Amino acid sequence: MIARKIYHVTTNGNLGWKSMMENSCRTSVSGISKQDVVNRTIAMAKHHAKCSVVIHKRDGSIEEEKTYPINS
């Protein structure tokens, strides 16, 4: 069974927004605009067999979670 990869989109301090794979210390995507980082992270997620993108609010709470592929 393939393990689900999980990306978290969070603030990057005063530098904007970033996404990181869960349990990783390396940023996957970064940028000024939250929507840009979300869109680019979703594009990456769609290339994995099983993946989730957890989008956080500025205060760190979860805003929403998107799972790919959609039919799984």
N, C-alpha and C. Protein backbone atom coordinates (compact mmCIF):
# COMPACT_ATOMS: atom_id res chain seq x y z
N MET A 1 0.84 -1.18 0.00
CA MET A 1 0.00 0.00 0.00
C MET A 1 0.89 1.25 0.00
N ILE A 2 0.54 2.21 -0.80
CA ILE A 2 1.30 3.44 -0.92
C ILE A 2 0.90 4.39 0.21
N ALA A 3 1.92 4.94 0.90
CA ALA A 3 1.67 5.89 1.97
C ALA A 3 1.25 7.24 1.38
N ARG A 4 0.33 7.89 2.04
CA ARG A 4 -0.14 9.20 1.60
C ARG A 4 0.91 10.26 1.96
N LYS A 5 1.27 11.09 1.01
CA LYS A 5 2.16 12.22 1.25
C LYS A 5 1.28 13.40 1.66
N ILE A 6 1.73 14.15 2.64
CA ILE A 6 0.96 15.29 3.14
C ILE A 6 1.82 16.55 3.10
N TYR A 7 1.31 17.56 2.42
CA TYR A 7 1.96 18.87 2.37
C TYR A 7 1.17 19.84 3.24
N HIS A 8 1.87 20.70 3.98
CA HIS A 8 1.24 21.73 4.79
C HIS A 8 1.62 23.09 4.23
N VAL A 9 0.62 23.94 3.96
CA VAL A 9 0.85 25.31 3.52
C VAL A 9 0.69 26.20 4.75
N THR A 10 1.76 26.90 5.11
CA THR A 10 1.78 27.73 6.31
C THR A 10 2.48 29.07 6.01
N THR A 11 2.40 29.98 6.97
CA THR A 11 3.10 31.25 6.79
C THR A 11 4.60 30.99 6.87
N ASN A 12 5.34 31.88 6.25
CA ASN A 12 6.80 31.80 6.25
C ASN A 12 7.33 33.07 6.92
N GLY A 13 6.83 33.31 8.12
CA GLY A 13 7.21 34.52 8.84
C GLY A 13 6.77 35.75 8.07
N ASN A 14 7.64 36.72 7.92
CA ASN A 14 7.33 37.94 7.16
C ASN A 14 7.64 37.77 5.68
N LEU A 15 8.03 36.57 5.26
CA LEU A 15 8.44 36.33 3.88
C LEU A 15 7.31 35.82 2.99
N GLY A 16 6.12 35.64 3.53
CA GLY A 16 4.99 35.16 2.73
C GLY A 16 4.50 33.81 3.20
N TRP A 17 4.45 32.84 2.27
CA TRP A 17 3.89 31.52 2.54
C TRP A 17 4.82 30.44 2.02
N LYS A 18 4.69 29.23 2.58
CA LYS A 18 5.51 28.10 2.14
C LYS A 18 4.71 26.82 2.28
N SER A 19 5.15 25.80 1.56
CA SER A 19 4.59 24.46 1.77
C SER A 19 5.74 23.52 2.03
N MET A 20 5.49 22.57 2.92
CA MET A 20 6.48 21.57 3.28
C MET A 20 5.80 20.22 3.40
N MET A 21 6.50 19.17 3.00
CA MET A 21 5.98 17.83 3.20
C MET A 21 6.06 17.52 4.70
N GLU A 22 5.03 16.86 5.21
CA GLU A 22 5.00 16.50 6.63
C GLU A 22 6.26 15.71 7.00
N ASN A 23 6.81 16.00 8.16
CA ASN A 23 8.02 15.37 8.69
C ASN A 23 9.26 15.69 7.88
N SER A 24 9.25 16.80 7.17
CA SER A 24 10.41 17.24 6.42
C SER A 24 10.84 18.60 6.94
N CYS A 25 12.09 18.92 6.82
CA CYS A 25 12.56 20.24 7.24
C CYS A 25 12.89 21.10 6.02
N ARG A 26 12.53 20.62 4.84
CA ARG A 26 12.84 21.30 3.59
C ARG A 26 11.57 21.90 2.97
N THR A 27 11.62 23.17 2.61
CA THR A 27 10.49 23.83 1.96
C THR A 27 10.35 23.33 0.53
N SER A 28 9.13 22.96 0.14
CA SER A 28 8.86 22.49 -1.22
C SER A 28 8.54 23.65 -2.15
N VAL A 29 7.70 24.59 -1.67
CA VAL A 29 7.27 25.75 -2.46
C VAL A 29 7.24 26.95 -1.52
N SER A 30 7.66 28.11 -2.01
CA SER A 30 7.54 29.33 -1.22
C SER A 30 7.15 30.48 -2.14
N GLY A 31 6.55 31.51 -1.54
CA GLY A 31 6.16 32.67 -2.33
C GLY A 31 5.48 33.72 -1.46
N ILE A 32 5.23 34.85 -2.05
CA ILE A 32 4.58 35.97 -1.35
C ILE A 32 3.08 35.72 -1.19
N SER A 33 2.45 35.22 -2.24
CA SER A 33 1.00 35.03 -2.27
C SER A 33 0.61 33.64 -1.77
N LYS A 34 -0.32 33.59 -0.82
CA LYS A 34 -0.82 32.32 -0.32
C LYS A 34 -1.44 31.51 -1.45
N GLN A 35 -2.25 32.15 -2.28
CA GLN A 35 -2.94 31.44 -3.36
C GLN A 35 -1.94 30.85 -4.35
N ASP A 36 -0.87 31.57 -4.65
CA ASP A 36 0.17 31.06 -5.55
C ASP A 36 0.82 29.80 -4.97
N VAL A 37 1.16 29.84 -3.68
CA VAL A 37 1.78 28.68 -3.03
C VAL A 37 0.81 27.51 -3.00
N VAL A 38 -0.46 27.76 -2.70
CA VAL A 38 -1.47 26.71 -2.69
C VAL A 38 -1.59 26.08 -4.08
N ASN A 39 -1.71 26.91 -5.11
CA ASN A 39 -1.85 26.40 -6.48
C ASN A 39 -0.65 25.56 -6.91
N ARG A 40 0.54 26.03 -6.62
CA ARG A 40 1.75 25.28 -7.00
C ARG A 40 1.89 23.98 -6.21
N THR A 41 1.48 24.00 -4.95
CA THR A 41 1.53 22.78 -4.12
C THR A 41 0.51 21.76 -4.62
N ILE A 42 -0.69 22.21 -4.97
CA ILE A 42 -1.71 21.31 -5.52
C ILE A 42 -1.23 20.70 -6.82
N ALA A 43 -0.59 21.48 -7.66
CA ALA A 43 -0.05 20.95 -8.93
C ALA A 43 0.95 19.83 -8.66
N MET A 44 1.80 19.99 -7.63
CA MET A 44 2.74 18.93 -7.25
C MET A 44 2.00 17.72 -6.71
N ALA A 45 1.00 17.97 -5.87
CA ALA A 45 0.26 16.89 -5.22
C ALA A 45 -0.43 15.99 -6.24
N LYS A 46 -0.89 16.56 -7.32
CA LYS A 46 -1.60 15.78 -8.34
C LYS A 46 -0.69 14.79 -9.06
N HIS A 47 0.62 14.91 -8.89
CA HIS A 47 1.56 13.97 -9.52
C HIS A 47 1.86 12.76 -8.65
N HIS A 48 1.34 12.74 -7.41
CA HIS A 48 1.54 11.62 -6.50
C HIS A 48 0.33 10.68 -6.54
N ALA A 49 0.56 9.41 -6.26
CA ALA A 49 -0.54 8.45 -6.25
C ALA A 49 -1.55 8.78 -5.15
N LYS A 50 -1.07 9.19 -3.98
CA LYS A 50 -1.93 9.59 -2.86
C LYS A 50 -1.28 10.79 -2.19
N CYS A 51 -2.02 11.87 -2.07
CA CYS A 51 -1.45 13.08 -1.49
C CYS A 51 -2.55 13.97 -0.91
N SER A 52 -2.21 14.68 0.16
CA SER A 52 -3.12 15.67 0.74
C SER A 52 -2.38 17.00 0.87
N VAL A 53 -3.13 18.07 0.72
CA VAL A 53 -2.61 19.41 0.94
C VAL A 53 -3.44 20.03 2.07
N VAL A 54 -2.79 20.31 3.18
CA VAL A 54 -3.45 20.91 4.33
C VAL A 54 -3.11 22.40 4.32
N ILE A 55 -4.13 23.23 4.18
CA ILE A 55 -3.95 24.68 4.06
C ILE A 55 -4.28 25.31 5.41
N HIS A 56 -3.30 26.03 5.96
CA HIS A 56 -3.45 26.65 7.27
C HIS A 56 -3.76 28.14 7.14
N LYS A 57 -4.43 28.68 8.14
CA LYS A 57 -4.66 30.12 8.23
C LYS A 57 -3.39 30.77 8.79
N ARG A 58 -3.36 32.08 8.79
CA ARG A 58 -2.21 32.81 9.32
C ARG A 58 -1.94 32.46 10.79
N ASP A 59 -3.01 32.16 11.56
CA ASP A 59 -2.83 31.84 12.98
C ASP A 59 -2.41 30.39 13.22
N GLY A 60 -2.25 29.60 12.14
CA GLY A 60 -1.79 28.21 12.26
C GLY A 60 -2.91 27.18 12.27
N SER A 61 -4.14 27.61 12.47
CA SER A 61 -5.25 26.66 12.46
C SER A 61 -5.51 26.19 11.02
N ILE A 62 -6.16 25.04 10.89
CA ILE A 62 -6.41 24.47 9.57
C ILE A 62 -7.61 25.14 8.93
N GLU A 63 -7.41 25.62 7.71
CA GLU A 63 -8.48 26.25 6.93
C GLU A 63 -9.22 25.20 6.12
N GLU A 64 -8.47 24.34 5.40
CA GLU A 64 -9.08 23.25 4.64
C GLU A 64 -8.03 22.22 4.27
N GLU A 65 -8.50 21.05 3.84
CA GLU A 65 -7.62 19.99 3.37
C GLU A 65 -8.14 19.48 2.04
N LYS A 66 -7.25 19.33 1.10
CA LYS A 66 -7.59 18.81 -0.23
C LYS A 66 -6.84 17.49 -0.41
N THR A 67 -7.53 16.48 -0.92
CA THR A 67 -6.94 15.16 -1.11
C THR A 67 -6.95 14.78 -2.58
N TYR A 68 -5.85 14.19 -3.03
CA TYR A 68 -5.69 13.78 -4.43
C TYR A 68 -5.20 12.35 -4.49
N PRO A 69 -5.58 11.53 -5.44
CA PRO A 69 -6.60 11.87 -6.42
C PRO A 69 -7.96 12.00 -5.76
N ILE A 70 -8.83 12.76 -6.36
CA ILE A 70 -10.13 13.09 -5.78
C ILE A 70 -11.01 11.84 -5.58
N ASN A 71 -10.88 10.87 -6.45
CA ASN A 71 -11.75 9.69 -6.36
C ASN A 71 -11.25 8.60 -5.44
N SER A 72 -10.22 8.86 -4.62
CA SER A 72 -9.73 7.80 -3.72
C SER A 72 -10.26 7.96 -2.32
